[in-house]
Amino acid sequence: MKRKTLAVLLALCLLLCGCKGRPLPGGMDEAALLQAGQDVVLLLVDGDYEAVYAALRDDVAAGTSAEDIAALAESQLKGMGGYRQITDRMTTGQSSGGEDYGVAVFYCEFSKDTALFRLAFDQEQRLIGLEIQKQ
């Protein structure tokens, strides 16, 4: 069940691949969204999966685990080398299942490759989805 929920969240994030910067939902602040997203990116690259799990909204957390997040991050970041820096960032607004949310997108440089992180947050800045993709 946990993996199915994580898979659904990741599928939701995959839908974002073709999206071009739509406006954020009313009341969402771009700078705050980028900061929240950056905080999660840094937790992921530091391997602090428990902290990422703790950042999830309760209903999302109920369907996954820190171990599932670790498995996702480790499989996607395998062989990329050490984290260096965020090279680019943007935000976009999205809607799914009647819920509007913001997505913080980060392009990150590692010593051997680059990765794209997409982090979805509800309007209260609670993490509701994540995706990591090698570039």
C-alpha atoms as a PDB file:
ATOM      1  CA  MET A   1       0.000   0.000   0.000  1.00  0.00           C
ATOM      2  CA  LYS A   2       2.774   2.442   0.918  1.00  0.00           C
ATOM      3  CA  ARG A   3       4.581   1.918  -2.349  1.00  0.00           C
ATOM      4  CA  LYS A   4       1.339   2.380  -4.303  1.00  0.00           C
ATOM      5  CA  THR A   5       0.726   5.735  -2.652  1.00  0.00           C
ATOM      6  CA  LEU A   6       4.304   6.827  -3.288  1.00  0.00           C
ATOM      7  CA  ALA A   7       3.920   5.665  -6.885  1.00  0.00           C
ATOM      8  CA  VAL A   8       0.748   7.749  -7.228  1.00  0.00           C
ATOM      9  CA  LEU A   9       2.550  10.787  -5.824  1.00  0.00           C
ATOM     10  CA  LEU A  10       5.409  10.259  -8.219  1.00  0.00           C
ATOM     11  CA  ALA A  11       3.005   9.835 -11.116  1.00  0.00           C
ATOM     12  CA  LEU A  12       1.435  13.140 -10.126  1.00  0.00           C
ATOM     13  CA  CYS A  13       4.847  14.754 -10.235  1.00  0.00           C
ATOM     14  CA  LEU A  14       5.581  13.140 -13.600  1.00  0.00           C
ATOM     15  CA  LEU A  15       2.584  14.972 -15.004  1.00  0.00           C
ATOM     16  CA  LEU A  16       4.492  18.128 -14.230  1.00  0.00           C
ATOM     17  CA  CYS A  17       7.256  17.294 -16.704  1.00  0.00           C
ATOM     18  CA  GLY A  18       5.645  19.118 -19.602  1.00  0.00           C
ATOM     19  CA  CYS A  19       4.354  22.055 -17.604  1.00  0.00           C
ATOM     20  CA  LYS A  20       5.471  25.594 -18.183  1.00  0.00           C
ATOM     21  CA  GLY A  21       5.382  27.963 -15.194  1.00  0.00           C
ATOM     22  CA  ARG A  22       1.672  28.395 -14.453  1.00  0.00           C
ATOM     23  CA  PRO A  23       0.829  30.928 -11.754  1.00  0.00           C
ATOM     24  CA  LEU A  24       0.963  29.761  -8.155  1.00  0.00           C
ATOM     25  CA  PRO A  25      -2.346  29.295  -6.352  1.00  0.00           C
ATOM     26  CA  GLY A  26      -3.656  32.453  -4.686  1.00  0.00           C
ATOM     27  CA  GLY A  27      -1.900  33.168  -1.428  1.00  0.00           C
ATOM     28  CA  MET A  28       1.245  31.154  -2.217  1.00  0.00           C
ATOM     29  CA  ASP A  29       4.480  33.121  -2.049  1.00  0.00           C
ATOM     30  CA  GLU A  30       7.138  32.193  -4.608  1.00  0.00           C
ATOM     31  CA  ALA A  31      10.082  32.967  -2.321  1.00  0.00           C
ATOM     32  CA  ALA A  32       8.604  30.902   0.530  1.00  0.00           C
ATOM     33  CA  LEU A  33       7.873  28.009  -1.833  1.00  0.00           C
ATOM     34  CA  LEU A  34      11.419  28.074  -3.193  1.00  0.00           C
ATOM     35  CA  GLN A  35      12.836  28.143   0.332  1.00  0.00           C
ATOM     36  CA  ALA A  36      10.666  25.205   1.432  1.00  0.00           C
ATOM     37  CA  GLY A  37      11.701  23.294  -1.681  1.00  0.00           C
ATOM     38  CA  GLN A  38      15.379  24.058  -1.197  1.00  0.00           C
ATOM     39  CA  ASP A  39      15.159  22.862   2.401  1.00  0.00           C
ATOM     40  CA  VAL A  40      13.788  19.505   1.209  1.00  0.00           C
ATOM     41  CA  VAL A  41      16.381  19.199  -1.580  1.00  0.00           C
ATOM     42  CA  LEU A  42      19.174  19.701   0.951  1.00  0.00           C
ATOM     43  CA  LEU A  43      17.639  17.105   3.280  1.00  0.00           C
ATOM     44  CA  LEU A  44      17.453  14.636   0.401  1.00  0.00           C
ATOM     45  CA  VAL A  45      21.047  15.128  -0.733  1.00  0.00           C
ATOM     46  CA  ASP A  46      22.194  14.887   2.908  1.00  0.00           C
ATOM     47  CA  GLY A  47      20.323  11.584   3.256  1.00  0.00           C
ATOM     48  CA  ASP A  48      18.018  12.838   6.023  1.00  0.00           C
ATOM     49  CA  TYR A  49      14.998  10.879   4.816  1.00  0.00           C
ATOM     50  CA  GLU A  50      13.331  10.902   8.237  1.00  0.00           C
ATOM     51  CA  ALA A  51      13.204  14.707   8.104  1.00  0.00           C
ATOM     52  CA  VAL A  52      11.751  14.599   4.579  1.00  0.00           C
ATOM     53  CA  TYR A  53       9.151  12.110   5.781  1.00  0.00           C
ATOM     54  CA  ALA A  54       8.328  14.393   8.726  1.00  0.00           C
ATOM     55  CA  ALA A  55       7.723  17.264   6.269  1.00  0.00           C
ATOM     56  CA  LEU A  56       4.979  15.317   4.468  1.00  0.00           C
ATOM     57  CA  ARG A  57       1.349  16.224   5.035  1.00  0.00           C
ATOM     58  CA  ASP A  58      -0.273  13.624   7.307  1.00  0.00           C
ATOM     59  CA  ASP A  59      -2.444  11.983   4.639  1.00  0.00           C
ATOM     60  CA  VAL A  60       0.546  11.633   2.319  1.00  0.00           C
ATOM     61  CA  ALA A  61       2.822  10.373   5.099  1.00  0.00           C
ATOM     62  CA  ALA A  62       0.256   7.694   5.957  1.00  0.00           C
ATOM     63  CA  GLY A  63       0.837   6.114   2.556  1.00  0.00           C
ATOM     64  CA  THR A  64       4.624   5.959   2.531  1.00  0.00           C
ATOM     65  CA  SER A  65       7.677   5.770   4.790  1.00  0.00           C
ATOM     66  CA  ALA A  66      11.130   7.229   5.234  1.00  0.00           C
ATOM     67  CA  GLU A  67      12.447   3.954   3.806  1.00  0.00           C
ATOM     68  CA  ASP A  68      10.425   4.467   0.622  1.00  0.00           C
ATOM     69  CA  ILE A  69      11.804   7.985   0.280  1.00  0.00           C
ATOM     70  CA  ALA A  70      15.326   6.653   0.847  1.00  0.00           C
ATOM     71  CA  ALA A  71      14.847   3.976  -1.814  1.00  0.00           C
ATOM     72  CA  LEU A  72      13.634   6.571  -4.306  1.00  0.00           C
ATOM     73  CA  ALA A  73      16.435   9.048  -3.609  1.00  0.00           C
ATOM     74  CA  GLU A  74      19.188   6.445  -3.527  1.00  0.00           C
ATOM     75  CA  SER A  75      18.064   4.826  -6.780  1.00  0.00           C
ATOM     76  CA  GLN A  76      17.815   8.156  -8.614  1.00  0.00           C
ATOM     77  CA  LEU A  77      21.024   9.655  -7.214  1.00  0.00           C
ATOM     78  CA  LYS A  78      23.145   6.526  -7.531  1.00  0.00           C
ATOM     79  CA  GLY A  79      26.412   7.200  -9.337  1.00  0.00           C
ATOM     80  CA  MET A  80      25.877  10.970  -9.473  1.00  0.00           C
ATOM     81  CA  GLY A  81      28.752  11.755  -7.130  1.00  0.00           C
ATOM     82  CA  GLY A  82      28.745  14.402  -4.446  1.00  0.00           C
ATOM     83  CA  TYR A  83      26.220  17.206  -4.360  1.00  0.00           C
ATOM     84  CA  ARG A  84      27.664  20.562  -5.443  1.00  0.00           C
ATOM     85  CA  GLN A  85      24.941  23.177  -5.887  1.00  0.00           C
ATOM     86  CA  ILE A  86      21.538  24.222  -7.139  1.00  0.00           C
ATOM     87  CA  THR A  87      22.076  25.701 -10.587  1.00  0.00           C
ATOM     88  CA  ASP A  88      18.542  26.811 -11.438  1.00  0.00           C
ATOM     89  CA  ARG A  89      15.112  26.988  -9.810  1.00  0.00           C
ATOM     90  CA  MET A  90      11.540  27.880 -10.702  1.00  0.00           C
ATOM     91  CA  THR A  91       8.004  27.514  -9.433  1.00  0.00           C
ATOM     92  CA  THR A  92       4.769  26.555 -11.093  1.00  0.00           C
ATOM     93  CA  GLY A  93       1.176  26.170 -10.015  1.00  0.00           C
ATOM     94  CA  GLN A  94      -0.698  22.929 -10.556  1.00  0.00           C
ATOM     95  CA  SER A  95      -4.077  21.395  -9.829  1.00  0.00           C
ATOM     96  CA  SER A  96      -5.096  17.782  -9.356  1.00  0.00           C
ATOM     97  CA  GLY A  97      -8.157  16.175  -7.844  1.00  0.00           C
ATOM     98  CA  GLY A  98      -9.626  19.576  -7.042  1.00  0.00           C
ATOM     99  CA  GLU A  99      -6.568  20.664  -5.071  1.00  0.00           C
ATOM    100  CA  ASP A 100      -4.379  23.572  -6.155  1.00  0.00           C
ATOM    101  CA  TYR A 101      -0.723  23.365  -5.157  1.00  0.00           C
ATOM    102  CA  GLY A 102       2.671  24.817  -5.909  1.00  0.00           C
ATOM    103  CA  VAL A 103       5.689  23.017  -7.278  1.00  0.00           C
ATOM    104  CA  ALA A 104       9.279  24.070  -6.659  1.00  0.00           C
ATOM    105  CA  VAL A 105      11.639  22.795  -9.358  1.00  0.00           C
ATOM    106  CA  PHE A 106      15.402  22.620  -8.839  1.00  0.00           C
ATOM    107  CA  TYR A 107      18.214  21.691 -11.182  1.00  0.00           C
ATOM    108  CA  CYS A 108      21.135  20.425  -9.116  1.00  0.00           C
ATOM    109  CA  GLU A 109      24.746  19.804 -10.032  1.00  0.00           C
ATOM    110  CA  PHE A 110      26.563  16.788  -8.651  1.00  0.00           C
ATOM    111  CA  SER A 111      30.210  15.947  -9.250  1.00  0.00           C
ATOM    112  CA  LYS A 112      29.373  13.441 -12.020  1.00  0.00           C
ATOM    113  CA  ASP A 113      25.919  14.396 -13.290  1.00  0.00           C
ATOM    114  CA  THR A 114      22.889  16.630 -12.796  1.00  0.00           C
ATOM    115  CA  ALA A 115      19.448  15.960 -11.339  1.00  0.00           C
ATOM    116  CA  LEU A 116      16.032  17.565 -11.406  1.00  0.00           C
ATOM    117  CA  PHE A 117      14.023  17.749  -8.179  1.00  0.00           C
ATOM    118  CA  ARG A 118      10.284  18.534  -8.239  1.00  0.00           C
ATOM    119  CA  LEU A 119       8.667  19.173  -4.865  1.00  0.00           C
ATOM    120  CA  ALA A 120       4.919  19.726  -4.572  1.00  0.00           C
ATOM    121  CA  PHE A 121       3.508  21.703  -1.639  1.00  0.00           C
ATOM    122  CA  ASP A 122      -0.063  22.419  -0.632  1.00  0.00           C
ATOM    123  CA  GLN A 123      -1.177  25.956   0.097  1.00  0.00           C
ATOM    124  CA  GLU A 124      -0.094  25.593   3.738  1.00  0.00           C
ATOM    125  CA  GLN A 125       3.476  24.754   2.591  1.00  0.00           C
ATOM    126  CA  ARG A 126       3.183  21.064   3.507  1.00  0.00           C
ATOM    127  CA  LEU A 127       5.049  18.632   1.253  1.00  0.00           C
ATOM    128  CA  ILE A 128       2.630  16.515  -0.777  1.00  0.00           C
ATOM    129  CA  GLY A 129       4.846  14.981  -3.464  1.00  0.00           C
ATOM    130  CA  LEU A 130       8.370  14.683  -4.754  1.00  0.00           C
ATOM    131  CA  GLU A 131      10.242  13.482  -7.779  1.00  0.00           C
ATOM    132  CA  ILE A 132      13.952  13.120  -8.464  1.00  0.00           C
ATOM    133  CA  GLN A 133      15.128  12.579 -12.013  1.00  0.00           C
ATOM    134  CA  LYS A 134      18.580  12.229 -13.529  1.00  0.00           C
ATOM    135  CA  GLN A 135      19.155  14.672 -16.350  1.00  0.00           C
END
